[in-house]
C-alpha atoms as a PDB file:
ATOM      1  CA  MET A   1      86.322 102.494  86.068  1.00  0.00           C
ATOM      2  CA  PRO A   2      84.968  99.966  88.613  1.00  0.00           C
ATOM      3  CA  ARG A   3      85.138  96.280  87.694  1.00  0.00           C
ATOM      4  CA  PRO A   4      81.967  94.229  88.212  1.00  0.00           C
ATOM      5  CA  ASP A   5      83.553  91.025  89.537  1.00  0.00           C
ATOM      6  CA  ARG A   6      86.055  89.855  92.180  1.00  0.00           C
ATOM      7  CA  VAL A   7      88.562  88.387  89.684  1.00  0.00           C
ATOM      8  CA  LEU A   8      91.919  90.141  89.817  1.00  0.00           C
ATOM      9  CA  ILE A   9      93.644  88.326  86.925  1.00  0.00           C
ATOM     10  CA  GLU A  10      92.878  85.235  84.786  1.00  0.00           C
ATOM     11  CA  GLY A  11      95.731  82.738  84.406  1.00  0.00           C
ATOM     12  CA  ALA A  12      97.363  83.079  80.980  1.00  0.00           C
ATOM     13  CA  SER A  13      98.104  79.405  80.361  1.00  0.00           C
ATOM     14  CA  THR A  14      96.045  77.421  82.878  1.00  0.00           C
ATOM     15  CA  GLY A  15      92.840  79.458  83.011  1.00  0.00           C
ATOM     16  CA  HIS A  16      92.963  79.545  86.813  1.00  0.00           C
ATOM     17  CA  ARG A  17      92.060  82.854  88.362  1.00  0.00           C
ATOM     18  CA  HIS A  18      93.424  85.054  91.105  1.00  0.00           C
ATOM     19  CA  GLU A  19      90.225  86.212  92.764  1.00  0.00           C
ATOM     20  CA  PHE A  20      89.113  87.636  96.069  1.00  0.00           C
ATOM     21  CA  ALA A  21      87.142  85.319  98.360  1.00  0.00           C
ATOM     22  CA  ASP A  22      83.426  85.959  98.825  1.00  0.00           C
ATOM     23  CA  GLY A  23      82.730  88.487 101.557  1.00  0.00           C
ATOM     24  CA  THR A  24      86.166  90.069 101.198  1.00  0.00           C
ATOM     25  CA  PRO A  25      85.926  93.858 101.592  1.00  0.00           C
ATOM     26  CA  VAL A  26      87.496  94.893  98.290  1.00  0.00           C
ATOM     27  CA  LYS A  27      86.817  97.072  95.253  1.00  0.00           C
ATOM     28  CA  LEU A  28      88.550  96.561  91.886  1.00  0.00           C
ATOM     29  CA  TYR A  29      89.143  99.282  89.306  1.00  0.00           C
ATOM     30  CA  GLU A  30      90.692  99.390  85.846  1.00  0.00           C
ATOM     31  CA  LEU A  31      92.174 102.527  84.337  1.00  0.00           C
ATOM     32  CA  SER A  32      94.155 102.707  81.089  1.00  0.00           C
ATOM     33  CA  GLY A  33      94.761  98.954  81.129  1.00  0.00           C
ATOM     34  CA  GLU A  34      96.039  98.916  84.726  1.00  0.00           C
ATOM     35  CA  ILE A  35      94.257  97.207  87.619  1.00  0.00           C
ATOM     36  CA  PHE A  36      93.907  98.778  91.050  1.00  0.00           C
ATOM     37  CA  VAL A  37      92.611  97.207  94.250  1.00  0.00           C
ATOM     38  CA  ARG A  38      91.166  99.014  97.235  1.00  0.00           C
ATOM     39  CA  VAL A  39      90.992  96.868 100.365  1.00  0.00           C
ATOM     40  CA  LEU A  40      88.455  98.227 102.843  1.00  0.00           C
ATOM     41  CA  GLU A  41      88.372  98.048 106.673  1.00  0.00           C
ATOM     42  CA  ARG A  42      89.904  94.535 107.190  1.00  0.00           C
ATOM     43  CA  PRO A  43      92.321  92.196 105.350  1.00  0.00           C
ATOM     44  CA  ALA A  44      91.227  90.819 101.974  1.00  0.00           C
ATOM     45  CA  ARG A  45      91.971  87.221 100.965  1.00  0.00           C
ATOM     46  CA  LEU A  46      93.229  86.643  97.395  1.00  0.00           C
ATOM     47  CA  VAL A  47      92.939  82.975  96.388  1.00  0.00           C
ATOM     48  CA  HIS A  48      94.358  80.859  93.551  1.00  0.00           C
ATOM     49  CA  ARG A  49      94.164  77.084  93.025  1.00  0.00           C
ATOM     50  CA  GLU A  50      97.907  76.632  92.396  1.00  0.00           C
ATOM     51  CA  HIS A  51      99.253  78.259  95.582  1.00  0.00           C
ATOM     52  CA  GLY A  52      98.193  79.403  99.044  1.00  0.00           C
ATOM     53  CA  PRO A  53      96.034  82.444  99.729  1.00  0.00           C
ATOM     54  CA  ILE A  54      97.472  85.946 100.073  1.00  0.00           C
ATOM     55  CA  ASP A  55      96.030  88.324 102.664  1.00  0.00           C
ATOM     56  CA  LEU A  56      96.220  92.034 101.826  1.00  0.00           C
ATOM     57  CA  GLU A  57      95.939  94.653 104.549  1.00  0.00           C
ATOM     58  CA  PRO A  58      93.566  97.611 104.051  1.00  0.00           C
ATOM     59  CA  GLY A  59      94.907 100.136 101.541  1.00  0.00           C
ATOM     60  CA  CYS A  60      95.269 100.767  97.809  1.00  0.00           C
ATOM     61  CA  TYR A  61      97.316  98.509  95.506  1.00  0.00           C
ATOM     62  CA  ARG A  62      98.284  98.374  91.834  1.00  0.00           C
ATOM     63  CA  ALA A  63      98.326  94.876  90.328  1.00  0.00           C
ATOM     64  CA  TRP A  64     100.310  93.587  87.332  1.00  0.00           C
ATOM     65  CA  ARG A  65     100.855  90.243  85.678  1.00  0.00           C
ATOM     66  CA  GLN A  66     104.007  88.406  86.716  1.00  0.00           C
ATOM     67  CA  ARG A  67     105.488  86.274  83.969  1.00  0.00           C
ATOM     68  CA  GLU A  68     107.824  83.311  84.278  1.00  0.00           C
ATOM     69  CA  TYR A  69     111.077  83.248  82.328  1.00  0.00           C
ATOM     70  CA  GLN A  70     111.022  80.322  79.884  1.00  0.00           C
ATOM     71  CA  GLY A  71     114.604  80.487  78.616  1.00  0.00           C
ATOM     72  CA  LEU A  72     115.776  80.939  75.053  1.00  0.00           C
ATOM     73  CA  GLY A  73     114.957  77.428  73.880  1.00  0.00           C
ATOM     74  CA  PHE A  74     118.394  76.493  72.574  1.00  0.00           C
ATOM     75  CA  SER A  75     121.605  74.935  73.882  1.00  0.00           C
ATOM     76  CA  ALA A  76     124.811  76.909  74.001  1.00  0.00           C
ATOM     77  CA  PRO A  77     127.954  75.228  72.610  1.00  0.00           C
ATOM     78  CA  VAL A  78     130.299  73.691  75.154  1.00  0.00           C
ATOM     79  CA  LEU A  79     133.804  75.163  75.050  1.00  0.00           C
ATOM     80  CA  ASP A  80     136.835  73.090  76.130  1.00  0.00           C
END
């Protein structure tokens, strides 16, 4: 099913978005909870406020959310 906007993924904790720049030749689709990107005719620029842009060459892509490992939240005992 086509998506109506240019937002790929909303940031989970910060609210910042990964979105395609205006004028970028791209179509976004969602199917069974998965996101697909079709980049048309020339590279598409994906932008995010916390890091540099990513240029994607024409083609079809599947996107997924990358998560950071936060650790287990406890200290292991020190053995002598």
